[in-house]
N, C-alpha and C. Protein backbone atom coordinates (compact mmCIF):
# COMPACT_ATOMS: atom_id res chain seq x y z
N MET A 1 125.29 216.05 56.93
CA MET A 1 126.24 216.65 55.97
C MET A 1 125.55 217.79 55.24
N VAL A 2 126.27 218.87 54.99
CA VAL A 2 125.75 220.01 54.25
C VAL A 2 126.37 219.99 52.87
N LYS A 3 125.48 220.02 51.87
CA LYS A 3 125.99 219.95 50.49
C LYS A 3 126.65 221.26 50.12
N THR A 4 127.73 221.15 49.38
CA THR A 4 128.38 222.36 48.87
C THR A 4 127.50 222.97 47.80
N ILE A 5 127.26 224.24 47.96
CA ILE A 5 126.34 224.93 47.05
C ILE A 5 127.10 225.37 45.82
N GLY A 6 126.62 224.94 44.67
CA GLY A 6 127.25 225.36 43.42
C GLY A 6 126.34 226.31 42.68
N GLN A 7 126.93 227.19 41.99
CA GLN A 7 126.15 228.15 41.21
C GLN A 7 126.65 228.15 39.78
N GLU A 8 125.71 228.42 38.89
CA GLU A 8 126.05 228.50 37.49
C GLU A 8 126.81 229.78 37.22
N GLN A 9 128.06 229.62 36.89
CA GLN A 9 128.90 230.80 36.62
C GLN A 9 129.15 230.91 35.12
N PRO A 10 129.16 232.12 34.60
CA PRO A 10 129.49 232.29 33.19
C PRO A 10 130.96 231.97 32.92
N THR A 11 131.21 230.75 32.36
CA THR A 11 132.58 230.33 32.11
C THR A 11 133.08 230.94 30.82
N GLY A 12 134.38 230.70 30.54
CA GLY A 12 134.94 231.20 29.30
C GLY A 12 134.21 230.67 28.08
N PRO A 13 134.01 229.32 27.94
CA PRO A 13 133.26 228.80 26.79
C PRO A 13 131.85 229.34 26.73
N ALA A 14 131.17 229.46 27.90
CA ALA A 14 129.79 229.98 27.89
C ALA A 14 129.74 231.40 27.39
N MET A 15 130.70 232.21 27.86
CA MET A 15 130.73 233.61 27.41
C MET A 15 131.06 233.69 25.92
N ALA A 16 131.96 232.80 25.45
CA ALA A 16 132.30 232.78 24.03
C ALA A 16 131.09 232.39 23.19
N MET A 17 130.31 231.40 23.69
CA MET A 17 129.10 231.00 22.97
C MET A 17 128.10 232.14 22.94
N ARG A 18 128.00 232.85 24.08
CA ARG A 18 127.06 233.98 24.12
C ARG A 18 127.49 235.07 23.14
N ASN A 19 128.81 235.35 23.09
CA ASN A 19 129.30 236.36 22.15
C ASN A 19 129.07 235.92 20.70
N GLN A 20 129.29 234.59 20.42
CA GLN A 20 129.06 234.07 19.07
C GLN A 20 127.59 234.18 18.71
N ARG A 21 126.72 233.85 19.71
CA ARG A 21 125.28 233.98 19.45
C ARG A 21 124.90 235.43 19.19
N LEU A 22 125.54 236.36 19.92
CA LEU A 22 125.26 237.78 19.72
C LEU A 22 125.69 238.22 18.33
N LYS A 23 126.87 237.74 17.87
CA LYS A 23 127.32 238.09 16.52
C LYS A 23 126.37 237.52 15.47
N THR A 24 125.85 236.29 15.72
CA THR A 24 124.93 235.66 14.78
C THR A 24 123.63 236.45 14.68
N ARG A 25 123.18 236.93 15.86
CA ARG A 25 121.92 237.69 15.90
C ARG A 25 122.10 239.13 15.44
N LEU A 26 123.33 239.57 15.18
CA LEU A 26 123.59 240.96 14.78
C LEU A 26 124.32 241.00 13.44
N PRO A 27 123.73 240.44 12.37
CA PRO A 27 124.40 240.53 11.06
C PRO A 27 124.45 241.96 10.59
N ALA A 28 125.32 242.20 9.62
CA ALA A 28 125.56 243.57 9.17
C ALA A 28 124.36 244.13 8.43
N ASP A 29 123.47 243.24 7.88
CA ASP A 29 122.35 243.78 7.10
C ASP A 29 121.19 244.22 7.96
N LYS A 30 121.28 244.06 9.27
CA LYS A 30 120.19 244.52 10.16
C LYS A 30 120.35 246.00 10.45
N SER A 31 119.19 246.65 10.65
CA SER A 31 119.24 248.08 10.96
C SER A 31 119.73 248.29 12.39
N THR A 32 120.08 249.54 12.68
CA THR A 32 120.58 249.86 14.03
C THR A 32 119.50 249.62 15.07
N ASP A 33 118.25 249.98 14.75
CA ASP A 33 117.16 249.76 15.72
C ASP A 33 117.01 248.28 16.02
N GLN A 34 117.11 247.44 14.97
CA GLN A 34 117.01 245.99 15.19
C GLN A 34 118.18 245.49 16.03
N ARG A 35 119.38 246.02 15.78
CA ARG A 35 120.55 245.60 16.58
C ARG A 35 120.38 246.01 18.04
N ILE A 36 119.86 247.22 18.25
CA ILE A 36 119.67 247.68 19.63
C ILE A 36 118.62 246.81 20.33
N LEU A 37 117.55 246.44 19.60
CA LEU A 37 116.52 245.56 20.19
C LEU A 37 117.12 244.20 20.56
N VAL A 38 117.97 243.68 19.68
CA VAL A 38 118.61 242.38 19.97
C VAL A 38 119.50 242.50 21.21
N LEU A 39 120.27 243.61 21.28
CA LEU A 39 121.14 243.83 22.44
C LEU A 39 120.33 243.95 23.73
N GLU A 40 119.20 244.67 23.66
CA GLU A 40 118.36 244.81 24.85
C GLU A 40 117.78 243.46 25.26
N SER A 41 117.38 242.63 24.27
CA SER A 41 116.87 241.29 24.57
C SER A 41 117.95 240.44 25.21
N GLU A 42 119.19 240.51 24.66
CA GLU A 42 120.31 239.75 25.23
C GLU A 42 120.60 240.19 26.65
N LEU A 43 120.54 241.51 26.88
CA LEU A 43 120.79 242.03 28.23
C LEU A 43 119.73 241.55 29.20
N GLU A 44 118.48 241.50 28.75
CA GLU A 44 117.41 241.02 29.63
C GLU A 44 117.59 239.55 29.94
N ASP A 45 118.07 238.76 28.93
CA ASP A 45 118.34 237.33 29.17
C ASP A 45 119.41 237.15 30.22
N VAL A 46 120.47 237.96 30.15
CA VAL A 46 121.56 237.88 31.13
C VAL A 46 121.03 238.20 32.52
N ARG A 47 120.25 239.28 32.62
CA ARG A 47 119.69 239.64 33.93
C ARG A 47 118.80 238.54 34.48
N HIS A 48 118.00 237.92 33.59
CA HIS A 48 117.11 236.84 34.04
C HIS A 48 117.92 235.65 34.52
N GLU A 49 119.00 235.32 33.82
CA GLU A 49 119.85 234.21 34.25
C GLU A 49 120.48 234.48 35.61
N MET A 50 120.93 235.71 35.83
CA MET A 50 121.52 236.06 37.12
C MET A 50 120.50 235.97 38.25
N ARG A 51 119.29 236.51 37.98
CA ARG A 51 118.25 236.44 39.00
C ARG A 51 117.88 235.00 39.31
N SER A 52 117.77 234.16 38.26
CA SER A 52 117.42 232.75 38.47
C SER A 52 118.49 232.05 39.31
N ALA A 53 119.78 232.34 39.02
CA ALA A 53 120.87 231.71 39.78
C ALA A 53 120.81 232.10 41.26
N VAL A 54 120.55 233.40 41.53
CA VAL A 54 120.47 233.87 42.92
C VAL A 54 119.28 233.23 43.61
N GLU A 55 118.12 233.16 42.91
CA GLU A 55 116.92 232.57 43.53
C GLU A 55 117.11 231.09 43.81
N ARG A 56 117.79 230.38 42.88
CA ARG A 56 118.05 228.95 43.14
C ARG A 56 118.96 228.77 44.36
N THR A 57 119.97 229.63 44.47
CA THR A 57 120.87 229.54 45.62
C THR A 57 120.13 229.78 46.93
N ILE A 58 119.27 230.81 46.95
CA ILE A 58 118.50 231.12 48.16
C ILE A 58 117.57 229.96 48.51
N ALA A 59 116.93 229.36 47.49
CA ALA A 59 116.01 228.26 47.74
C ALA A 59 116.74 227.05 48.32
N VAL A 60 117.93 226.74 47.76
CA VAL A 60 118.71 225.60 48.26
C VAL A 60 119.13 225.82 49.71
N ASN A 61 119.63 227.03 50.02
CA ASN A 61 120.04 227.32 51.39
C ASN A 61 118.87 227.27 52.36
N ALA A 62 117.70 227.78 51.93
CA ALA A 62 116.52 227.74 52.79
C ALA A 62 116.13 226.30 53.10
N GLY A 63 116.21 225.41 52.10
CA GLY A 63 115.89 224.01 52.33
C GLY A 63 116.88 223.35 53.28
N GLU A 64 118.16 223.68 53.17
CA GLU A 64 119.16 223.09 54.06
C GLU A 64 118.98 223.59 55.49
N VAL A 65 118.66 224.86 55.65
CA VAL A 65 118.43 225.40 57.00
C VAL A 65 117.22 224.70 57.64
N ALA A 66 116.15 224.53 56.83
CA ALA A 66 114.97 223.86 57.36
C ALA A 66 115.30 222.42 57.76
N GLN A 67 116.12 221.76 56.96
CA GLN A 67 116.51 220.38 57.26
C GLN A 67 117.33 220.32 58.55
N LEU A 68 118.24 221.29 58.73
CA LEU A 68 119.03 221.33 59.96
C LEU A 68 118.14 221.55 61.18
N LYS A 69 117.18 222.46 61.06
CA LYS A 69 116.27 222.70 62.19
C LYS A 69 115.46 221.45 62.50
N SER A 70 115.00 220.75 61.45
CA SER A 70 114.23 219.53 61.66
C SER A 70 115.08 218.46 62.35
N THR A 71 116.37 218.36 61.96
CA THR A 71 117.26 217.38 62.59
C THR A 71 117.47 217.69 64.07
N ILE A 72 117.68 218.96 64.40
CA ILE A 72 117.88 219.36 65.80
C ILE A 72 116.63 219.08 66.63
N VAL A 73 115.45 219.39 66.04
CA VAL A 73 114.19 219.13 66.76
C VAL A 73 114.03 217.63 67.02
N ALA A 74 114.37 216.82 66.00
CA ALA A 74 114.26 215.36 66.16
C ALA A 74 115.20 214.85 67.26
N LEU A 75 116.42 215.40 67.29
CA LEU A 75 117.37 215.00 68.33
C LEU A 75 116.87 215.41 69.72
N ARG A 76 116.29 216.58 69.83
CA ARG A 76 115.75 217.01 71.12
C ARG A 76 114.59 216.12 71.57
N ASP A 77 113.72 215.72 70.61
CA ASP A 77 112.61 214.81 70.95
C ASP A 77 113.13 213.47 71.45
N THR A 78 114.19 212.99 70.78
CA THR A 78 114.77 211.71 71.21
C THR A 78 115.34 211.81 72.62
N LEU A 79 116.01 212.89 72.91
CA LEU A 79 116.57 213.10 74.25
C LEU A 79 115.48 213.23 75.30
N GLU A 80 114.37 213.91 74.94
CA GLU A 80 113.26 214.07 75.88
C GLU A 80 112.61 212.73 76.20
N ARG A 81 112.43 211.87 75.20
CA ARG A 81 111.85 210.54 75.45
C ARG A 81 112.76 209.69 76.34
N ALA A 82 114.08 209.86 76.15
CA ALA A 82 115.01 209.06 76.95
C ALA A 82 114.90 209.40 78.45
N LYS A 83 114.55 210.68 78.75
CA LYS A 83 114.45 211.09 80.15
C LYS A 83 113.28 210.43 80.89
N HIS A 84 112.27 209.95 80.13
CA HIS A 84 111.07 209.35 80.72
C HIS A 84 111.14 207.82 80.77
N GLU A 85 112.23 207.24 80.47
CA GLU A 85 112.36 205.77 80.59
C GLU A 85 112.53 205.37 82.06
N LYS A 86 112.58 204.07 82.29
CA LYS A 86 112.72 203.54 83.66
C LYS A 86 114.01 204.04 84.31
N HIS A 87 114.02 203.96 85.66
CA HIS A 87 115.13 204.52 86.43
C HIS A 87 116.47 203.91 86.02
N ASP A 88 116.47 202.60 85.88
CA ASP A 88 117.73 201.95 85.51
C ASP A 88 118.19 202.39 84.12
N ALA A 89 117.19 202.44 83.24
CA ALA A 89 117.52 202.87 81.88
C ALA A 89 117.96 204.32 81.87
N VAL A 90 117.31 205.11 82.77
CA VAL A 90 117.67 206.52 82.86
C VAL A 90 119.11 206.67 83.33
N GLN A 91 119.47 205.89 84.39
CA GLN A 91 120.84 205.98 84.90
C GLN A 91 121.85 205.57 83.85
N GLN A 92 121.49 204.52 83.15
CA GLN A 92 122.40 204.08 82.10
C GLN A 92 122.45 205.12 80.96
N ALA A 93 121.26 205.67 80.69
CA ALA A 93 121.22 206.69 79.64
C ALA A 93 122.01 207.92 80.04
N ILE A 94 121.97 208.23 81.37
CA ILE A 94 122.73 209.39 81.84
C ILE A 94 124.22 209.18 81.61
N ALA A 95 124.67 207.93 81.85
CA ALA A 95 126.07 207.64 81.67
C ALA A 95 126.49 207.79 80.20
N SER A 96 125.57 207.37 79.35
CA SER A 96 125.92 207.44 77.92
C SER A 96 125.52 208.78 77.30
N SER A 97 124.65 209.50 78.04
CA SER A 97 124.17 210.75 77.44
C SER A 97 125.27 211.81 77.35
N ALA A 98 126.23 211.72 78.31
CA ALA A 98 127.32 212.69 78.26
C ALA A 98 128.07 212.59 76.93
N HIS A 99 128.31 211.33 76.53
CA HIS A 99 128.99 211.12 75.25
C HIS A 99 128.10 211.59 74.09
N GLU A 100 126.81 211.27 74.22
CA GLU A 100 125.88 211.67 73.15
C GLU A 100 125.76 213.18 73.07
N ILE A 101 125.72 213.84 74.25
CA ILE A 101 125.64 215.31 74.27
C ILE A 101 126.89 215.92 73.63
N ALA A 102 128.04 215.33 73.96
CA ALA A 102 129.27 215.82 73.36
C ALA A 102 129.21 215.68 71.83
N GLN A 103 128.70 214.53 71.39
CA GLN A 103 128.56 214.34 69.96
C GLN A 103 127.58 215.34 69.35
N LEU A 104 126.48 215.57 70.10
CA LEU A 104 125.51 216.54 69.61
C LEU A 104 126.12 217.95 69.52
N LYS A 105 126.92 218.29 70.53
CA LYS A 105 127.58 219.59 70.50
C LYS A 105 128.54 219.69 69.32
N GLU A 106 129.30 218.60 69.12
CA GLU A 106 130.22 218.60 67.98
C GLU A 106 129.45 218.69 66.66
N THR A 107 128.31 217.95 66.62
CA THR A 107 127.49 217.99 65.41
C THR A 107 126.94 219.39 65.18
N ALA A 108 126.42 220.00 66.26
CA ALA A 108 125.87 221.35 66.14
C ALA A 108 126.96 222.33 65.71
N ALA A 109 128.15 222.20 66.32
CA ALA A 109 129.26 223.08 65.94
C ALA A 109 129.65 222.86 64.48
N SER A 110 129.69 221.57 64.10
CA SER A 110 130.03 221.25 62.71
C SER A 110 128.99 221.80 61.75
N LEU A 111 127.70 221.69 62.16
CA LEU A 111 126.63 222.21 61.32
C LEU A 111 126.72 223.73 61.21
N ARG A 112 127.02 224.38 62.34
CA ARG A 112 127.15 225.84 62.30
C ARG A 112 128.30 226.25 61.38
N GLU A 113 129.43 225.54 61.51
CA GLU A 113 130.56 225.86 60.64
C GLU A 113 130.22 225.62 59.17
N ALA A 114 129.53 224.49 58.90
CA ALA A 114 129.14 224.19 57.52
C ALA A 114 128.17 225.24 56.98
N LEU A 115 127.24 225.66 57.85
CA LEU A 115 126.28 226.67 57.43
C LEU A 115 126.99 228.00 57.15
N GLU A 116 127.96 228.34 57.99
CA GLU A 116 128.72 229.58 57.79
C GLU A 116 129.51 229.50 56.48
N ARG A 117 130.12 228.33 56.23
CA ARG A 117 130.84 228.17 54.97
C ARG A 117 129.90 228.29 53.77
N ALA A 118 128.72 227.68 53.91
CA ALA A 118 127.74 227.76 52.82
C ALA A 118 127.32 229.20 52.58
N LYS A 119 127.15 229.95 53.68
CA LYS A 119 126.77 231.36 53.54
C LYS A 119 127.86 232.15 52.83
N ILE A 120 129.12 231.90 53.23
CA ILE A 120 130.24 232.60 52.58
C ILE A 120 130.33 232.23 51.11
N GLU A 121 130.18 230.91 50.82
CA GLU A 121 130.23 230.46 49.42
C GLU A 121 129.11 231.10 48.61
N ARG A 122 127.92 231.17 49.23
CA ARG A 122 126.79 231.77 48.51
C ARG A 122 127.07 233.24 48.22
N GLU A 123 127.53 233.98 49.24
CA GLU A 123 127.81 235.41 49.05
C GLU A 123 128.91 235.61 47.99
N THR A 124 129.93 234.75 48.05
CA THR A 124 131.00 234.85 47.06
C THR A 124 130.49 234.58 45.65
N ALA A 125 129.65 233.53 45.54
CA ALA A 125 129.09 233.20 44.23
C ALA A 125 128.20 234.32 43.70
N VAL A 126 127.41 234.91 44.61
CA VAL A 126 126.53 236.00 44.19
C VAL A 126 127.36 237.19 43.71
N GLN A 127 128.42 237.53 44.48
CA GLN A 127 129.28 238.65 44.07
C GLN A 127 129.95 238.38 42.73
N GLN A 128 130.40 237.13 42.53
CA GLN A 128 131.01 236.78 41.25
C GLN A 128 130.00 236.90 40.12
N ALA A 129 128.76 236.43 40.39
CA ALA A 129 127.72 236.53 39.36
C ALA A 129 127.42 237.98 39.04
N LEU A 130 127.36 238.81 40.08
CA LEU A 130 127.08 240.24 39.85
C LEU A 130 128.21 240.90 39.06
N ARG A 131 129.48 240.55 39.43
CA ARG A 131 130.61 241.13 38.70
C ARG A 131 130.58 240.70 37.24
N SER A 132 130.30 239.40 37.02
CA SER A 132 130.23 238.90 35.65
C SER A 132 129.12 239.59 34.87
N CYS A 133 127.96 239.76 35.54
CA CYS A 133 126.84 240.45 34.89
C CYS A 133 127.21 241.89 34.57
N HIS A 134 127.90 242.55 35.51
CA HIS A 134 128.31 243.95 35.29
C HIS A 134 129.28 244.04 34.11
N ASP A 135 130.23 243.11 34.05
CA ASP A 135 131.20 243.12 32.94
C ASP A 135 130.48 242.92 31.61
N GLU A 136 129.53 241.99 31.60
CA GLU A 136 128.84 241.71 30.34
C GLU A 136 127.96 242.89 29.94
N ILE A 137 127.34 243.55 30.93
CA ILE A 137 126.53 244.74 30.64
C ILE A 137 127.42 245.83 30.04
N GLN A 138 128.62 246.00 30.62
CA GLN A 138 129.54 247.01 30.08
C GLN A 138 129.92 246.69 28.64
N GLN A 139 130.15 245.40 28.35
CA GLN A 139 130.49 245.00 26.99
C GLN A 139 129.35 245.31 26.03
N LEU A 140 128.11 245.00 26.48
CA LEU A 140 126.95 245.27 25.63
C LEU A 140 126.77 246.77 25.42
N GLN A 141 126.99 247.55 26.49
CA GLN A 141 126.88 249.00 26.35
C GLN A 141 127.94 249.54 25.40
N ALA A 142 129.17 249.01 25.49
CA ALA A 142 130.23 249.44 24.58
C ALA A 142 129.87 249.09 23.14
N THR A 143 129.28 247.91 22.94
CA THR A 143 128.85 247.52 21.59
C THR A 143 127.78 248.46 21.06
N ALA A 144 126.82 248.83 21.96
CA ALA A 144 125.76 249.75 21.54
C ALA A 144 126.35 251.11 21.16
N VAL A 145 127.31 251.59 21.95
CA VAL A 145 127.95 252.87 21.65
C VAL A 145 128.67 252.81 20.30
N GLN A 146 129.38 251.71 20.07
CA GLN A 146 130.10 251.55 18.80
C GLN A 146 129.14 251.54 17.61
N LEU A 147 127.99 250.85 17.80
CA LEU A 147 127.01 250.81 16.72
C LEU A 147 126.44 252.20 16.44
N ARG A 148 126.19 252.96 17.52
CA ARG A 148 125.69 254.32 17.33
C ARG A 148 126.72 255.19 16.59
N GLU A 149 128.01 255.03 16.96
CA GLU A 149 129.06 255.79 16.28
C GLU A 149 129.15 255.41 14.80
N GLU A 150 129.04 254.11 14.53
CA GLU A 150 129.09 253.68 13.14
C GLU A 150 127.90 254.23 12.36
N LEU A 151 126.73 254.25 12.99
CA LEU A 151 125.55 254.81 12.34
C LEU A 151 125.74 256.30 12.06
N GLU A 152 126.31 257.03 13.02
CA GLU A 152 126.54 258.46 12.84
C GLU A 152 127.53 258.70 11.69
N ARG A 153 128.60 257.90 11.66
CA ARG A 153 129.56 258.04 10.56
C ARG A 153 128.90 257.76 9.21
N ALA A 154 128.07 256.71 9.18
CA ALA A 154 127.38 256.38 7.93
C ALA A 154 126.45 257.51 7.51
N ARG A 155 125.77 258.12 8.48
CA ARG A 155 124.87 259.22 8.15
C ARG A 155 125.65 260.41 7.59
N ILE A 156 126.78 260.72 8.23
CA ILE A 156 127.61 261.84 7.76
C ILE A 156 128.13 261.57 6.35
N GLU A 157 128.61 260.34 6.13
CA GLU A 157 129.11 259.98 4.80
C GLU A 157 128.00 260.05 3.76
N ARG A 158 126.79 259.59 4.12
CA ARG A 158 125.68 259.63 3.19
C ARG A 158 125.32 261.08 2.85
N GLU A 159 125.27 261.94 3.89
CA GLU A 159 124.95 263.35 3.64
C GLU A 159 126.02 264.01 2.76
N ALA A 160 127.29 263.68 3.02
CA ALA A 160 128.37 264.24 2.20
C ALA A 160 128.24 263.77 0.75
N ALA A 161 127.89 262.50 0.56
CA ALA A 161 127.72 261.98 -0.80
C ALA A 161 126.56 262.66 -1.51
N VAL A 162 125.47 262.87 -0.75
CA VAL A 162 124.31 263.55 -1.35
C VAL A 162 124.68 264.98 -1.75
N GLU A 163 125.38 265.69 -0.83
CA GLU A 163 125.79 267.06 -1.14
C GLU A 163 126.72 267.11 -2.36
N SER A 164 127.62 266.14 -2.44
CA SER A 164 128.53 266.09 -3.58
C SER A 164 127.77 265.83 -4.87
N ALA A 165 126.79 264.92 -4.81
CA ALA A 165 125.99 264.62 -5.99
C ALA A 165 125.17 265.83 -6.42
N VAL A 166 124.60 266.53 -5.43
CA VAL A 166 123.81 267.73 -5.75
C VAL A 166 124.71 268.79 -6.39
N ALA A 167 125.90 268.99 -5.80
CA ALA A 167 126.83 269.97 -6.37
C ALA A 167 127.21 269.59 -7.79
N GLY A 168 127.47 268.32 -8.04
CA GLY A 168 127.79 267.87 -9.39
C GLY A 168 126.63 268.11 -10.35
N ALA A 169 125.39 267.85 -9.85
CA ALA A 169 124.22 268.06 -10.70
C ALA A 169 124.08 269.54 -11.05
N TYR A 170 124.31 270.40 -10.04
CA TYR A 170 124.23 271.84 -10.29
C TYR A 170 125.27 272.27 -11.36
N MET A 171 126.48 271.71 -11.24
CA MET A 171 127.51 272.03 -12.21
C MET A 171 127.11 271.58 -13.61
N GLN A 172 126.52 270.39 -13.70
CA GLN A 172 126.09 269.88 -15.00
C GLN A 172 124.99 270.74 -15.59
N VAL A 173 124.05 271.15 -14.70
CA VAL A 173 122.96 272.00 -15.17
C VAL A 173 123.52 273.33 -15.68
N ALA A 174 124.46 273.93 -14.92
CA ALA A 174 125.06 275.19 -15.34
C ALA A 174 125.78 275.03 -16.68
N GLN A 175 126.50 273.91 -16.86
CA GLN A 175 127.19 273.66 -18.11
C GLN A 175 126.21 273.49 -19.27
N LEU A 176 125.10 272.79 -18.99
CA LEU A 176 124.09 272.60 -20.03
C LEU A 176 123.46 273.93 -20.42
N ARG A 177 123.23 274.77 -19.41
CA ARG A 177 122.67 276.09 -19.71
C ARG A 177 123.62 276.90 -20.60
N LYS A 178 124.90 276.88 -20.28
CA LYS A 178 125.88 277.58 -21.12
C LYS A 178 125.87 277.02 -22.54
N THR A 179 125.78 275.69 -22.65
CA THR A 179 125.76 275.06 -23.96
C THR A 179 124.53 275.49 -24.75
N VAL A 180 123.37 275.50 -24.05
CA VAL A 180 122.11 275.91 -24.70
C VAL A 180 122.21 277.35 -25.18
N VAL A 181 122.75 278.23 -24.32
CA VAL A 181 122.90 279.65 -24.68
C VAL A 181 123.82 279.78 -25.91
N ALA A 182 124.94 279.05 -25.91
CA ALA A 182 125.88 279.12 -27.04
C ALA A 182 125.22 278.62 -28.31
N LEU A 183 124.45 277.50 -28.20
CA LEU A 183 123.77 276.97 -29.38
C LEU A 183 122.72 277.94 -29.89
N ARG A 184 122.00 278.56 -28.95
CA ARG A 184 120.98 279.54 -29.34
C ARG A 184 121.63 280.74 -30.06
N GLU A 185 122.75 281.21 -29.51
CA GLU A 185 123.45 282.33 -30.16
C GLU A 185 123.96 281.93 -31.53
N ALA A 186 124.48 280.72 -31.62
CA ALA A 186 124.97 280.26 -32.91
C ALA A 186 123.83 280.14 -33.92
N LEU A 187 122.67 279.64 -33.46
CA LEU A 187 121.51 279.50 -34.33
C LEU A 187 121.02 280.87 -34.81
N GLU A 188 120.99 281.81 -33.87
CA GLU A 188 120.55 283.15 -34.22
C GLU A 188 121.51 283.79 -35.22
N ALA A 189 122.81 283.58 -34.99
CA ALA A 189 123.81 284.13 -35.91
C ALA A 189 123.64 283.51 -37.29
N HIS A 190 123.41 282.20 -37.32
CA HIS A 190 123.22 281.51 -38.60
C HIS A 190 121.98 282.00 -39.31
N SER A 191 120.92 282.20 -38.54
CA SER A 191 119.66 282.68 -39.12
C SER A 191 119.87 284.09 -39.68
N ALA A 192 120.57 284.94 -38.96
CA ALA A 192 120.83 286.32 -39.41
C ALA A 192 121.65 286.30 -40.70
N GLY A 193 122.64 285.44 -40.78
CA GLY A 193 123.46 285.35 -41.98
C GLY A 193 122.64 284.88 -43.18
N THR A 194 121.77 283.96 -42.94
CA THR A 194 120.92 283.43 -44.03
C THR A 194 120.00 284.52 -44.56
N ILE A 195 119.45 285.30 -43.63
CA ILE A 195 118.54 286.37 -44.02
C ILE A 195 119.29 287.42 -44.86
N ARG A 196 120.50 287.78 -44.50
CA ARG A 196 121.28 288.76 -45.24
C ARG A 196 121.61 288.27 -46.65
N ARG A 197 121.94 286.98 -46.76
CA ARG A 197 122.26 286.44 -48.09
C ARG A 197 121.04 286.45 -48.99
N GLU A 198 119.90 286.15 -48.41
CA GLU A 198 118.68 286.14 -49.20
C GLU A 198 118.32 287.56 -49.65
N ALA A 199 118.63 288.54 -48.78
CA ALA A 199 118.33 289.94 -49.16
C ALA A 199 119.26 290.36 -50.26
C-alpha cells in the first residue's frame, strides 16, 4: 500500500493566526524600519516553512520509492529460489506461478498507478504551497508599500507643520519688532517733551 502524501497547507485559521501575529508584532509605536525588519523576518519564516514542506514531501516520496524497489527485489529473489526447487515442486510451482505472476503484474501495475497518483498529489501540493506563498508575499509587499506611503505622508505633514510654525514665529518676531520700534519712538517722544518742559 502507498500512503497518501499530505502536506501542510496554510489554512484559513492558520493564515488568520499569522496575520494576527503580524499585527501583534507591528504595533503603531514601532518605527518604520522596525516594521520593515519584522515584515522581512515574517517573509523569511514563510519561505522557510514552504521549503521545509517541499523537502518533507520529497523525503517521504523517496522513502516510498525505495520501499517499492526493495519489495520488487524481494519478490524477484523469492521467484528465483522457487526455480531451483525439486522437479515436482518446480512443476507444481509452475502451475501456481502463473497465478502468482498475474498477481505480481497486478501489484506492479497498482504500485505504478499509486506512485503516479502520489507524484500528481505531490506536484499539486507543491503548486498550491507556491501559490499560497506567492499570495502571502504579495500581501506582505502591499503592507510594506502602505507603511512607506504612511511614512511619507507623516513626513510631509511634519514638514508642513514645521514650516507653519516657522512662519508663525517669523510673524511674531516681526510684530515684536514693530512693538519695540513703537515703544522706542514713544519713549523718545516722551523724553523730548520732558526736556522741553524743563527748559
